[in-house]
Amino acid sequence: MGIPSGRTADGRVRRQLAKTHPNPLETAALRRLTRRFLTARAQLLEDSVLGVVRLGRILEEGRRAAGRSYLDWLRQLGISKTTALHWRAAYRLTRRRPGVLREWRNAGATKLYRVARLSRTTVSRLATKAERGGFAGMSKQQFIAFTAPHVRVMRKSSPGRRGHGAIMKLDSFISQVGAFDFTGLDDDLLRVKLLQRLRRLEALAKKTAKTLKRRRTG
């Protein structure tokens, strides 16, 4: 019987390791969760309360199933850690307060994320107004301002998380500004105001870029 080559031996070792230490992303349980998530995401509206709660439930189950590979699983799903955190928080809120779907169904998903950061007492007190549709008509900015005094302070995020959040906000901002159509804008005062803000934005962008370059070369 000949001595196995190095390549053959390495292959056997890899197969043995695969049996004893299977990739969490390849387990049957996580594959089922992946299919459930992708199917639900295709069928549900991500800006609806019901949609994000259902997606959040799948993500909560997936976080336990994936373990340390959770972030790899999120990348496989094509969603950010921040988005997943919002959806899971919305689901956990409905677990703590089963009636929250009825009370806040018309408020919108973005507002539900905010509600998830409120104390149970505050949620109960505000729910009556939400049920009457009072919050449904509020803009995101108005709702944030209204609930700001009641929001629980979260632990300080890491620089990496803040950077990722900044990227997402900038992408959204760039898309929104790029969609504006200024054709036919003849109001001189509005044109002046827009130019002023664009110059301020340009100055801020240059300052931020200089800071990032200095950090990279430092």
N, C-alpha and C. Protein backbone atom coordinates (compact mmCIF):
# COMPACT_ATOMS: atom_id res chain seq x y z
N MET A 1 0.85 -1.20 0.00
CA MET A 1 0.00 0.00 0.00
C MET A 1 0.88 1.24 0.00
N GLY A 2 0.69 2.12 -0.98
CA GLY A 2 1.55 3.29 -1.12
C GLY A 2 1.23 4.37 -0.11
N ILE A 3 2.16 5.28 0.05
CA ILE A 3 1.97 6.42 0.94
C ILE A 3 1.13 7.46 0.22
N PRO A 4 0.04 7.97 0.82
CA PRO A 4 -0.82 8.94 0.13
C PRO A 4 -0.07 10.24 -0.11
N SER A 5 -0.35 10.84 -1.25
CA SER A 5 0.28 12.11 -1.57
C SER A 5 -0.20 13.20 -0.61
N GLY A 6 0.55 14.33 -0.58
CA GLY A 6 0.18 15.44 0.29
C GLY A 6 -1.19 15.99 -0.07
N ARG A 7 -1.48 16.06 -1.38
CA ARG A 7 -2.77 16.59 -1.82
C ARG A 7 -3.91 15.71 -1.36
N THR A 8 -3.73 14.37 -1.46
CA THR A 8 -4.77 13.44 -1.02
C THR A 8 -4.99 13.54 0.48
N ALA A 9 -3.89 13.63 1.22
CA ALA A 9 -4.00 13.72 2.67
C ALA A 9 -4.70 15.01 3.08
N ASP A 10 -4.37 16.12 2.40
CA ASP A 10 -5.02 17.39 2.72
C ASP A 10 -6.51 17.32 2.45
N GLY A 11 -6.88 16.64 1.34
CA GLY A 11 -8.29 16.50 1.02
C GLY A 11 -9.04 15.73 2.08
N ARG A 12 -8.40 14.68 2.60
CA ARG A 12 -9.04 13.88 3.64
C ARG A 12 -9.22 14.70 4.92
N VAL A 13 -8.20 15.51 5.23
CA VAL A 13 -8.29 16.35 6.43
C VAL A 13 -9.42 17.36 6.30
N ARG A 14 -9.54 17.98 5.12
CA ARG A 14 -10.59 18.96 4.90
C ARG A 14 -11.97 18.32 5.02
N ARG A 15 -12.11 17.11 4.46
CA ARG A 15 -13.40 16.41 4.55
C ARG A 15 -13.73 16.05 5.99
N GLN A 16 -12.70 15.62 6.75
CA GLN A 16 -12.93 15.28 8.14
C GLN A 16 -13.32 16.50 8.96
N LEU A 17 -12.65 17.63 8.68
CA LEU A 17 -12.99 18.87 9.39
C LEU A 17 -14.40 19.34 9.04
N ALA A 18 -14.79 19.14 7.78
CA ALA A 18 -16.13 19.53 7.36
C ALA A 18 -17.19 18.72 8.10
N LYS A 19 -16.86 17.45 8.41
CA LYS A 19 -17.82 16.62 9.13
C LYS A 19 -17.91 17.02 10.59
N THR A 20 -16.74 17.31 11.20
CA THR A 20 -16.72 17.62 12.63
C THR A 20 -17.04 19.09 12.92
N HIS A 21 -16.75 20.00 11.95
CA HIS A 21 -17.00 21.43 12.13
C HIS A 21 -17.74 21.97 10.90
N PRO A 22 -19.02 21.61 10.74
CA PRO A 22 -19.77 22.04 9.56
C PRO A 22 -19.94 23.56 9.53
N ASN A 23 -19.96 24.11 8.32
CA ASN A 23 -20.17 25.54 8.14
C ASN A 23 -21.61 25.88 8.54
N PRO A 24 -21.79 26.78 9.53
CA PRO A 24 -23.16 27.12 9.97
C PRO A 24 -24.04 27.63 8.84
N LEU A 25 -23.43 28.27 7.83
CA LEU A 25 -24.22 28.80 6.72
C LEU A 25 -24.77 27.70 5.82
N GLU A 26 -24.20 26.49 5.97
CA GLU A 26 -24.62 25.38 5.12
C GLU A 26 -25.54 24.40 5.83
N THR A 27 -25.91 24.70 7.05
CA THR A 27 -26.80 23.79 7.77
C THR A 27 -28.20 23.85 7.16
N ALA A 28 -28.92 22.75 7.32
CA ALA A 28 -30.27 22.68 6.76
C ALA A 28 -31.18 23.74 7.38
N ALA A 29 -31.00 23.96 8.69
CA ALA A 29 -31.86 24.93 9.39
C ALA A 29 -31.67 26.34 8.82
N LEU A 30 -30.41 26.71 8.61
CA LEU A 30 -30.16 28.07 8.12
C LEU A 30 -30.54 28.20 6.65
N ARG A 31 -30.40 27.14 5.89
CA ARG A 31 -30.83 27.20 4.49
C ARG A 31 -32.34 27.41 4.41
N ARG A 32 -33.07 26.76 5.33
CA ARG A 32 -34.53 26.97 5.36
C ARG A 32 -34.87 28.40 5.73
N LEU A 33 -34.15 28.94 6.70
CA LEU A 33 -34.39 30.32 7.11
C LEU A 33 -34.06 31.30 5.98
N THR A 34 -33.02 30.99 5.24
CA THR A 34 -32.64 31.84 4.10
C THR A 34 -33.76 31.86 3.06
N ARG A 35 -34.30 30.68 2.75
CA ARG A 35 -35.40 30.61 1.78
C ARG A 35 -36.63 31.36 2.30
N ARG A 36 -36.93 31.18 3.59
CA ARG A 36 -38.08 31.89 4.19
C ARG A 36 -37.91 33.39 4.11
N PHE A 37 -36.69 33.85 4.41
CA PHE A 37 -36.45 35.29 4.41
C PHE A 37 -36.58 35.87 3.00
N LEU A 38 -35.94 35.23 2.03
CA LEU A 38 -35.97 35.74 0.66
C LEU A 38 -37.39 35.72 0.09
N THR A 39 -38.14 34.67 0.42
CA THR A 39 -39.53 34.59 -0.05
C THR A 39 -40.37 35.69 0.60
N ALA A 40 -40.22 35.84 1.91
CA ALA A 40 -41.00 36.86 2.63
C ALA A 40 -40.65 38.26 2.15
N ARG A 41 -39.37 38.50 1.90
CA ARG A 41 -38.94 39.83 1.47
C ARG A 41 -39.50 40.16 0.09
N ALA A 42 -39.63 39.15 -0.74
CA ALA A 42 -40.18 39.37 -2.08
C ALA A 42 -41.68 39.63 -2.04
N GLN A 43 -42.34 39.11 -1.02
CA GLN A 43 -43.80 39.22 -0.94
C GLN A 43 -44.29 40.38 -0.09
N LEU A 44 -43.48 40.79 0.89
CA LEU A 44 -43.91 41.80 1.85
C LEU A 44 -43.34 43.17 1.53
N LEU A 45 -44.03 44.20 1.99
CA LEU A 45 -43.54 45.57 1.86
C LEU A 45 -42.64 45.86 3.05
N GLU A 46 -41.37 46.24 2.76
CA GLU A 46 -40.41 46.46 3.84
C GLU A 46 -40.73 47.71 4.65
N ASP A 47 -41.58 48.59 4.10
CA ASP A 47 -41.93 49.79 4.86
C ASP A 47 -43.23 49.62 5.63
N SER A 48 -43.77 48.39 5.63
CA SER A 48 -44.99 48.13 6.39
C SER A 48 -44.62 47.51 7.73
N VAL A 49 -45.43 47.79 8.74
CA VAL A 49 -45.17 47.25 10.07
C VAL A 49 -45.19 45.73 10.06
N LEU A 50 -46.20 45.15 9.43
CA LEU A 50 -46.31 43.70 9.37
C LEU A 50 -45.11 43.08 8.65
N GLY A 51 -44.67 43.74 7.58
CA GLY A 51 -43.54 43.22 6.81
C GLY A 51 -42.26 43.15 7.62
N VAL A 52 -41.91 44.23 8.30
CA VAL A 52 -40.64 44.24 9.04
C VAL A 52 -40.71 43.31 10.26
N VAL A 53 -41.89 43.15 10.84
CA VAL A 53 -42.01 42.26 11.99
C VAL A 53 -41.79 40.81 11.56
N ARG A 54 -42.35 40.43 10.44
CA ARG A 54 -42.16 39.06 9.95
C ARG A 54 -40.71 38.80 9.56
N LEU A 55 -40.11 39.78 8.91
CA LEU A 55 -38.70 39.64 8.53
C LEU A 55 -37.83 39.62 9.78
N GLY A 56 -38.18 40.43 10.77
CA GLY A 56 -37.41 40.46 12.01
C GLY A 56 -37.45 39.15 12.75
N ARG A 57 -38.59 38.47 12.68
CA ARG A 57 -38.71 37.17 13.34
C ARG A 57 -37.76 36.16 12.71
N ILE A 58 -37.68 36.15 11.39
CA ILE A 58 -36.78 35.23 10.70
C ILE A 58 -35.33 35.54 11.04
N LEU A 59 -35.00 36.84 11.08
CA LEU A 59 -33.63 37.24 11.41
C LEU A 59 -33.27 36.85 12.84
N GLU A 60 -34.23 36.96 13.75
CA GLU A 60 -33.99 36.58 15.15
C GLU A 60 -33.68 35.10 15.24
N GLU A 61 -34.43 34.29 14.51
CA GLU A 61 -34.17 32.85 14.49
C GLU A 61 -32.83 32.57 13.83
N GLY A 62 -32.54 33.31 12.75
CA GLY A 62 -31.28 33.11 12.04
C GLY A 62 -30.07 33.49 12.87
N ARG A 63 -30.21 34.52 13.70
CA ARG A 63 -29.08 34.94 14.54
C ARG A 63 -28.67 33.81 15.49
N ARG A 64 -29.67 33.12 16.03
CA ARG A 64 -29.36 32.00 16.92
C ARG A 64 -28.78 30.82 16.14
N ALA A 65 -29.32 30.57 14.95
CA ALA A 65 -28.86 29.43 14.15
C ALA A 65 -27.46 29.65 13.58
N ALA A 66 -27.15 30.89 13.20
CA ALA A 66 -25.86 31.18 12.56
C ALA A 66 -24.74 31.36 13.57
N GLY A 67 -25.07 31.77 14.78
CA GLY A 67 -24.02 31.97 15.78
C GLY A 67 -23.04 33.03 15.35
N ARG A 68 -21.75 32.68 15.39
CA ARG A 68 -20.71 33.65 15.03
C ARG A 68 -20.70 33.99 13.54
N SER A 69 -21.41 33.21 12.76
CA SER A 69 -21.48 33.48 11.32
C SER A 69 -22.66 34.36 10.94
N TYR A 70 -23.27 34.99 11.95
CA TYR A 70 -24.48 35.80 11.71
C TYR A 70 -24.22 36.92 10.70
N LEU A 71 -23.12 37.65 10.87
CA LEU A 71 -22.83 38.76 9.95
C LEU A 71 -22.58 38.24 8.53
N ASP A 72 -21.95 37.08 8.43
CA ASP A 72 -21.75 36.47 7.10
C ASP A 72 -23.11 36.13 6.48
N TRP A 73 -24.02 35.68 7.31
CA TRP A 73 -25.36 35.34 6.81
C TRP A 73 -26.08 36.60 6.33
N LEU A 74 -25.94 37.70 7.07
CA LEU A 74 -26.57 38.96 6.64
C LEU A 74 -26.03 39.39 5.29
N ARG A 75 -24.72 39.26 5.10
CA ARG A 75 -24.13 39.62 3.80
C ARG A 75 -24.69 38.72 2.71
N GLN A 76 -24.91 37.45 3.04
CA GLN A 76 -25.49 36.52 2.07
C GLN A 76 -26.91 36.95 1.70
N LEU A 77 -27.63 37.48 2.68
CA LEU A 77 -29.00 37.95 2.43
C LEU A 77 -29.03 39.29 1.72
N GLY A 78 -27.93 40.03 1.79
CA GLY A 78 -27.87 41.33 1.12
C GLY A 78 -28.46 42.46 1.93
N ILE A 79 -28.40 42.37 3.27
CA ILE A 79 -28.90 43.45 4.11
C ILE A 79 -27.81 43.86 5.10
N SER A 80 -27.90 45.10 5.57
CA SER A 80 -26.89 45.62 6.50
C SER A 80 -27.21 45.20 7.93
N LYS A 81 -26.21 45.30 8.78
CA LYS A 81 -26.39 44.97 10.19
C LYS A 81 -27.39 45.92 10.84
N THR A 82 -27.34 47.20 10.43
CA THR A 82 -28.25 48.19 11.01
C THR A 82 -29.70 47.89 10.66
N THR A 83 -29.94 47.56 9.39
CA THR A 83 -31.30 47.22 8.97
C THR A 83 -31.81 46.00 9.71
N ALA A 84 -30.96 45.00 9.83
CA ALA A 84 -31.35 43.78 10.55
C ALA A 84 -31.65 44.10 12.01
N LEU A 85 -30.87 45.00 12.60
CA LEU A 85 -31.09 45.38 13.99
C LEU A 85 -32.46 46.04 14.17
N HIS A 86 -32.83 46.91 13.21
CA HIS A 86 -34.14 47.56 13.26
C HIS A 86 -35.26 46.53 13.16
N TRP A 87 -35.15 45.62 12.21
CA TRP A 87 -36.21 44.64 11.99
C TRP A 87 -36.36 43.71 13.19
N ARG A 88 -35.23 43.29 13.76
CA ARG A 88 -35.29 42.42 14.94
C ARG A 88 -35.88 43.15 16.13
N ALA A 89 -35.55 44.42 16.28
CA ALA A 89 -36.09 45.21 17.39
C ALA A 89 -37.60 45.34 17.26
N ALA A 90 -38.07 45.53 16.02
CA ALA A 90 -39.52 45.62 15.79
C ALA A 90 -40.20 44.31 16.16
N TYR A 91 -39.60 43.20 15.80
CA TYR A 91 -40.18 41.89 16.14
C TYR A 91 -40.20 41.68 17.65
N ARG A 92 -39.08 42.00 18.33
CA ARG A 92 -39.02 41.81 19.78
C ARG A 92 -40.05 42.68 20.50
N LEU A 93 -40.29 43.86 19.95
CA LEU A 93 -41.30 44.74 20.55
C LEU A 93 -42.69 44.09 20.50
N THR A 94 -43.01 43.46 19.39
CA THR A 94 -44.31 42.80 19.28
C THR A 94 -44.40 41.58 20.20
N ARG A 95 -43.25 41.00 20.52
CA ARG A 95 -43.25 39.88 21.46
C ARG A 95 -43.54 40.38 22.87
N ARG A 96 -42.97 41.53 23.20
CA ARG A 96 -43.20 42.10 24.54
C ARG A 96 -44.61 42.65 24.67
N ARG A 97 -45.11 43.21 23.57
CA ARG A 97 -46.45 43.82 23.58
C ARG A 97 -47.23 43.27 22.39
N PRO A 98 -47.94 42.17 22.55
CA PRO A 98 -48.67 41.55 21.44
C PRO A 98 -49.63 42.49 20.74
N GLY A 99 -50.14 43.50 21.44
CA GLY A 99 -51.11 44.40 20.84
C GLY A 99 -50.49 45.52 20.03
N VAL A 100 -49.15 45.53 19.93
CA VAL A 100 -48.48 46.66 19.27
C VAL A 100 -48.81 46.73 17.78
N LEU A 101 -49.03 45.58 17.14
CA LEU A 101 -49.36 45.59 15.71
C LEU A 101 -50.67 46.32 15.45
N ARG A 102 -51.63 46.08 16.32
CA ARG A 102 -52.91 46.77 16.17
C ARG A 102 -52.78 48.25 16.50
N GLU A 103 -52.01 48.55 17.54
CA GLU A 103 -51.91 49.92 18.01
C GLU A 103 -51.10 50.82 17.07
N TRP A 104 -50.10 50.23 16.40
CA TRP A 104 -49.17 51.04 15.61
C TRP A 104 -49.16 50.69 14.13
N ARG A 105 -50.12 49.90 13.70
CA ARG A 105 -50.08 49.41 12.31
C ARG A 105 -50.13 50.55 11.29
N ASN A 106 -50.75 51.68 11.65
CA ASN A 106 -50.85 52.79 10.71
C ASN A 106 -49.73 53.81 10.85
N ALA A 107 -48.84 53.59 11.83
CA ALA A 107 -47.78 54.57 12.07
C ALA A 107 -46.62 54.42 11.09
N GLY A 108 -46.43 53.23 10.53
CA GLY A 108 -45.33 53.01 9.61
C GLY A 108 -44.14 52.35 10.28
N ALA A 109 -43.35 51.64 9.48
CA ALA A 109 -42.23 50.86 10.03
C ALA A 109 -41.16 51.73 10.66
N THR A 110 -40.83 52.86 10.02
CA THR A 110 -39.77 53.73 10.55
C THR A 110 -40.10 54.20 11.95
N LYS A 111 -41.37 54.54 12.19
CA LYS A 111 -41.78 54.99 13.51
C LYS A 111 -41.76 53.82 14.50
N LEU A 112 -42.04 52.62 14.00
CA LEU A 112 -42.01 51.46 14.89
C LEU A 112 -40.60 51.22 15.42
N TYR A 113 -39.57 51.47 14.59
CA TYR A 113 -38.19 51.33 15.07
C TYR A 113 -37.96 52.25 16.26
N ARG A 114 -38.52 53.45 16.15
CA ARG A 114 -38.37 54.43 17.22
C ARG A 114 -39.12 53.97 18.47
N VAL A 115 -40.29 53.42 18.26
CA VAL A 115 -41.10 52.95 19.39
C VAL A 115 -40.36 51.85 20.15
N ALA A 116 -39.59 51.03 19.44
CA ALA A 116 -38.87 49.93 20.06
C ALA A 116 -37.84 50.43 21.07
N ARG A 117 -37.49 51.72 20.99
CA ARG A 117 -36.50 52.29 21.91
C ARG A 117 -37.16 53.04 23.07
N LEU A 118 -38.48 52.96 23.15
CA LEU A 118 -39.20 53.63 24.23
C LEU A 118 -39.49 52.64 25.36
N SER A 119 -39.64 53.17 26.55
CA SER A 119 -39.99 52.31 27.68
C SER A 119 -41.42 51.80 27.51
N ARG A 120 -41.73 50.72 28.19
CA ARG A 120 -43.07 50.13 28.08
C ARG A 120 -44.14 51.11 28.55
N THR A 121 -43.85 51.86 29.62
CA THR A 121 -44.81 52.84 30.13
C THR A 121 -45.11 53.91 29.09
N THR A 122 -44.05 54.40 28.45
CA THR A 122 -44.23 55.44 27.44
C THR A 122 -45.01 54.93 26.25
N VAL A 123 -44.70 53.70 25.82
CA VAL A 123 -45.42 53.11 24.69
C VAL A 123 -46.90 53.00 25.01
N SER A 124 -47.22 52.57 26.22
CA SER A 124 -48.62 52.44 26.61
C SER A 124 -49.32 53.79 26.59
N ARG A 125 -48.61 54.81 27.06
CA ARG A 125 -49.22 56.15 27.12
C ARG A 125 -49.43 56.74 25.73
N LEU A 126 -48.51 56.45 24.83
CA LEU A 126 -48.60 57.02 23.48
C LEU A 126 -49.50 56.20 22.56
N ALA A 127 -49.76 54.95 22.95
CA ALA A 127 -50.50 54.05 22.06
C ALA A 127 -51.90 54.57 21.74
N THR A 128 -52.53 55.22 22.72
CA THR A 128 -53.89 55.73 22.49
C THR A 128 -53.91 56.72 21.34
N LYS A 129 -52.94 57.61 21.33
CA LYS A 129 -52.87 58.59 20.25
C LYS A 129 -52.55 57.91 18.93
N ALA A 130 -51.70 56.90 18.99
CA ALA A 130 -51.36 56.18 17.76
C ALA A 130 -52.57 55.49 17.18
N GLU A 131 -53.41 54.92 18.06
CA GLU A 131 -54.60 54.20 17.60
C GLU A 131 -55.58 55.15 16.92
N ARG A 132 -55.59 56.39 17.37
CA ARG A 132 -56.47 57.38 16.74
C ARG A 132 -55.89 57.89 15.42
N GLY A 133 -54.69 57.45 15.08
CA GLY A 133 -54.08 57.89 13.83
C GLY A 133 -53.29 59.16 13.97
N GLY A 134 -53.08 59.60 15.21
CA GLY A 134 -52.36 60.86 15.40
C GLY A 134 -50.93 60.82 14.91
N PHE A 135 -50.26 59.67 15.06
CA PHE A 135 -48.87 59.56 14.65
C PHE A 135 -48.73 59.23 13.17
N ALA A 136 -49.75 58.64 12.61
CA ALA A 136 -49.67 58.24 11.21
C ALA A 136 -49.45 59.46 10.31
N GLY A 137 -50.01 60.61 10.71
CA GLY A 137 -49.87 61.80 9.89
C GLY A 137 -48.60 62.58 10.15
N MET A 138 -47.83 62.19 11.19
CA MET A 138 -46.59 62.90 11.48
C MET A 138 -45.50 62.50 10.50
N SER A 139 -44.67 63.46 10.15
CA SER A 139 -43.50 63.13 9.34
C SER A 139 -42.48 62.44 10.24
N LYS A 140 -41.48 61.85 9.62
CA LYS A 140 -40.44 61.16 10.39
C LYS A 140 -39.76 62.14 11.36
N GLN A 141 -39.46 63.34 10.87
CA GLN A 141 -38.79 64.34 11.70
C GLN A 141 -39.66 64.77 12.87
N GLN A 142 -40.95 64.95 12.62
CA GLN A 142 -41.86 65.35 13.69
C GLN A 142 -41.97 64.26 14.75
N PHE A 143 -42.02 63.01 14.30
CA PHE A 143 -42.15 61.90 15.24
C PHE A 143 -40.89 61.77 16.09
N ILE A 144 -39.72 61.93 15.46
CA ILE A 144 -38.46 61.85 16.20
C ILE A 144 -38.40 62.95 17.26
N ALA A 145 -38.79 64.17 16.87
CA ALA A 145 -38.78 65.29 17.81
C ALA A 145 -39.75 65.04 18.97
N PHE A 146 -40.91 64.47 18.66
CA PHE A 146 -41.93 64.24 19.68
C PHE A 146 -41.49 63.19 20.69
N THR A 147 -40.82 62.13 20.21
CA THR A 147 -40.44 61.03 21.09
C THR A 147 -39.05 61.19 21.69
N ALA A 148 -38.28 62.18 21.22
CA ALA A 148 -36.89 62.34 21.67
C ALA A 148 -36.74 62.35 23.19
N PRO A 149 -37.61 63.06 23.95
CA PRO A 149 -37.44 63.08 25.40
C PRO A 149 -37.64 61.72 26.07
N HIS A 150 -38.27 60.79 25.35
CA HIS A 150 -38.61 59.49 25.96
C HIS A 150 -37.70 58.36 25.52
N VAL A 151 -36.84 58.61 24.53
CA VAL A 151 -36.01 57.53 23.98
C VAL A 151 -34.93 57.14 24.97
N ARG A 152 -34.79 55.85 25.18
CA ARG A 152 -33.74 55.36 26.07
C ARG A 152 -32.39 55.52 25.41
N VAL A 153 -31.41 55.92 26.19
CA VAL A 153 -30.06 56.13 25.66
C VAL A 153 -29.44 54.79 25.35
N MET A 154 -28.99 54.63 24.11
CA MET A 154 -28.35 53.38 23.72
C MET A 154 -26.84 53.49 23.95
N ARG A 155 -26.16 52.37 24.04
CA ARG A 155 -24.72 52.43 24.23
C ARG A 155 -24.06 53.03 23.00
N LYS A 156 -22.95 53.69 23.24
CA LYS A 156 -22.26 54.39 22.17
C LYS A 156 -21.82 53.41 21.10
N SER A 157 -22.09 53.74 19.85
CA SER A 157 -21.74 52.85 18.76
C SER A 157 -20.25 52.95 18.46
N SER A 158 -19.73 51.92 17.82
CA SER A 158 -18.31 51.90 17.48
C SER A 158 -18.06 52.77 16.26
N PRO A 159 -16.79 53.18 16.05
CA PRO A 159 -16.47 53.98 14.86
C PRO A 159 -16.86 53.28 13.56
N GLY A 160 -16.68 51.96 13.54
CA GLY A 160 -17.05 51.21 12.34
C GLY A 160 -18.54 51.27 12.06
N ARG A 161 -19.34 51.15 13.12
CA ARG A 161 -20.79 51.22 12.96
C ARG A 161 -21.21 52.61 12.50
N ARG A 162 -20.59 53.65 13.10
CA ARG A 162 -20.92 55.02 12.69
C ARG A 162 -20.54 55.25 11.24
N GLY A 163 -19.39 54.71 10.83
CA GLY A 163 -18.97 54.88 9.44
C GLY A 163 -19.93 54.20 8.48
N HIS A 164 -20.36 53.00 8.86
CA HIS A 164 -21.31 52.28 8.01
C HIS A 164 -22.62 53.04 7.92
N GLY A 165 -23.07 53.57 9.06
CA GLY A 165 -24.30 54.35 9.06
C GLY A 165 -24.19 55.60 8.20
N ALA A 166 -23.01 56.24 8.24
CA ALA A 166 -22.79 57.44 7.42
C ALA A 166 -22.86 57.10 5.94
N ILE A 167 -22.32 55.96 5.56
CA ILE A 167 -22.35 55.54 4.16
C ILE A 167 -23.78 55.36 3.69
N MET A 168 -24.60 54.69 4.51
CA MET A 168 -25.99 54.45 4.14
C MET A 168 -26.75 55.77 3.99
N LYS A 169 -26.52 56.70 4.93
CA LYS A 169 -27.22 57.98 4.86
C LYS A 169 -26.77 58.80 3.66
N LEU A 170 -25.47 58.76 3.36
CA LEU A 170 -24.96 59.50 2.22
C LEU A 170 -25.51 58.92 0.92
N ASP A 171 -25.56 57.60 0.84
CA ASP A 171 -26.12 56.96 -0.37
C ASP A 171 -27.56 57.40 -0.59
N SER A 172 -28.33 57.41 0.51
CA SER A 172 -29.73 57.82 0.41
C SER A 172 -29.83 59.29 0.01
N PHE A 173 -29.00 60.13 0.62
CA PHE A 173 -29.03 61.56 0.33
C PHE A 173 -28.65 61.84 -1.12
N ILE A 174 -27.61 61.17 -1.60
CA ILE A 174 -27.16 61.37 -2.99
C ILE A 174 -28.26 60.97 -3.97
N SER A 175 -28.93 59.85 -3.67
CA SER A 175 -30.01 59.40 -4.55
C SER A 175 -31.16 60.41 -4.57
N GLN A 176 -31.49 60.95 -3.40
CA GLN A 176 -32.61 61.89 -3.33
C GLN A 176 -32.28 63.19 -4.06
N VAL A 177 -31.07 63.71 -3.83
CA VAL A 177 -30.68 64.96 -4.50
C VAL A 177 -30.58 64.75 -6.01
N GLY A 178 -30.06 63.60 -6.40
CA GLY A 178 -29.93 63.31 -7.82
C GLY A 178 -31.27 63.20 -8.53
N ALA A 179 -32.32 62.91 -7.76
CA ALA A 179 -33.64 62.76 -8.36
C ALA A 179 -34.37 64.10 -8.52
N PHE A 180 -33.84 65.16 -7.89
CA PHE A 180 -34.48 66.47 -8.02
C PHE A 180 -34.38 66.99 -9.45
N ASP A 181 -35.43 67.63 -9.90
CA ASP A 181 -35.43 68.23 -11.24
C ASP A 181 -35.59 69.74 -11.08
N PHE A 182 -34.51 70.46 -11.34
CA PHE A 182 -34.53 71.92 -11.19
C PHE A 182 -34.83 72.64 -12.51
N THR A 183 -35.19 71.87 -13.51
CA THR A 183 -35.52 72.48 -14.80
C THR A 183 -36.70 73.43 -14.65
N GLY A 184 -36.54 74.63 -15.16
CA GLY A 184 -37.63 75.60 -15.10
C GLY A 184 -37.74 76.36 -13.80
N LEU A 185 -36.74 76.21 -12.90
CA LEU A 185 -36.77 76.94 -11.64
C LEU A 185 -36.34 78.39 -11.91
N ASP A 186 -37.29 79.29 -11.96
CA ASP A 186 -37.02 80.69 -12.30
C ASP A 186 -37.00 81.61 -11.09
N ASP A 187 -37.32 81.08 -9.93
CA ASP A 187 -37.34 81.91 -8.72
C ASP A 187 -35.90 82.21 -8.30
N ASP A 188 -35.48 83.45 -8.45
CA ASP A 188 -34.10 83.82 -8.17
C ASP A 188 -33.73 83.60 -6.71
N LEU A 189 -34.67 83.89 -5.80
CA LEU A 189 -34.38 83.72 -4.38
C LEU A 189 -34.13 82.26 -4.04
N LEU A 190 -34.95 81.37 -4.59
CA LEU A 190 -34.76 79.94 -4.35
C LEU A 190 -33.44 79.46 -4.94
N ARG A 191 -33.09 79.98 -6.10
CA ARG A 191 -31.82 79.59 -6.73
C ARG A 191 -30.64 80.00 -5.86
N VAL A 192 -30.71 81.20 -5.30
CA VAL A 192 -29.64 81.69 -4.43
C VAL A 192 -29.52 80.81 -3.19
N LYS A 193 -30.66 80.49 -2.57
CA LYS A 193 -30.65 79.67 -1.38
C LYS A 193 -30.09 78.28 -1.66
N LEU A 194 -30.48 77.71 -2.80
CA LEU A 194 -29.96 76.39 -3.16
C LEU A 194 -28.45 76.43 -3.37
N LEU A 195 -27.98 77.46 -4.04
CA LEU A 195 -26.55 77.59 -4.28
C LEU A 195 -25.79 77.76 -2.97
N GLN A 196 -26.35 78.51 -2.05
CA GLN A 196 -25.70 78.70 -0.75
C GLN A 196 -25.54 77.36 -0.03
N ARG A 197 -26.58 76.57 -0.04
CA ARG A 197 -26.52 75.28 0.65
C ARG A 197 -25.61 74.29 -0.05
N LEU A 198 -25.58 74.37 -1.36
CA LEU A 198 -24.67 73.49 -2.10
C LEU A 198 -23.22 73.85 -1.82
N ARG A 199 -22.94 75.15 -1.66
CA ARG A 199 -21.57 75.57 -1.32
C ARG A 199 -21.20 75.10 0.09
N ARG A 200 -22.16 75.19 1.02
CA ARG A 200 -21.91 74.69 2.37
C ARG A 200 -21.66 73.19 2.36
N LEU A 201 -22.43 72.49 1.54
CA LEU A 201 -22.26 71.04 1.42
C LEU A 201 -20.91 70.70 0.80
N GLU A 202 -20.52 71.49 -0.20
CA GLU A 202 -19.23 71.27 -0.84
C GLU A 202 -18.08 71.48 0.15
N ALA A 203 -18.19 72.54 0.97
CA ALA A 203 -17.15 72.82 1.96
C ALA A 203 -17.07 71.71 3.00
N LEU A 204 -18.23 71.22 3.43
CA LEU A 204 -18.25 70.14 4.41
C LEU A 204 -17.66 68.86 3.83
N ALA A 205 -17.98 68.59 2.54
CA ALA A 205 -17.46 67.39 1.89
C ALA A 205 -15.93 67.46 1.79
N LYS A 206 -15.40 68.63 1.46
CA LYS A 206 -13.94 68.79 1.35
C LYS A 206 -13.27 68.61 2.71
N LYS A 207 -13.89 69.19 3.74
CA LYS A 207 -13.33 69.07 5.08
C LYS A 207 -13.32 67.62 5.56
N THR A 208 -14.43 66.92 5.32
CA THR A 208 -14.53 65.52 5.73
C THR A 208 -13.55 64.65 4.95
N ALA A 209 -13.44 64.91 3.64
CA ALA A 209 -12.51 64.14 2.81
C ALA A 209 -11.07 64.35 3.28
N LYS A 210 -10.74 65.56 3.67
CA LYS A 210 -9.38 65.86 4.15
C LYS A 210 -9.11 65.08 5.44
N THR A 211 -10.10 65.02 6.31
CA THR A 211 -9.95 64.28 7.56
C THR A 211 -9.73 62.80 7.31
N LEU A 212 -10.50 62.24 6.37
CA LEU A 212 -10.37 60.81 6.06
C LEU A 212 -9.03 60.51 5.41
N LYS A 213 -8.55 61.39 4.53
CA LYS A 213 -7.26 61.18 3.88
C LYS A 213 -6.12 61.26 4.88
N ARG A 214 -6.26 62.22 5.82
CA ARG A 214 -5.21 62.37 6.85
C ARG A 214 -5.14 61.15 7.73
N ARG A 215 -6.31 60.58 8.03
CA ARG A 215 -6.36 59.35 8.86
C ARG A 215 -5.73 58.18 8.11
N ARG A 216 -5.96 58.09 6.81
CA ARG A 216 -5.45 56.97 6.02
C ARG A 216 -3.95 57.03 5.88
N THR A 217 -3.41 58.24 5.75
CA THR A 217 -1.97 58.38 5.53
C THR A 217 -1.21 58.57 6.83
N GLY A 218 -1.96 58.74 7.94
CA GLY A 218 -1.29 58.99 9.23
C GLY A 218 -0.65 57.74 9.83
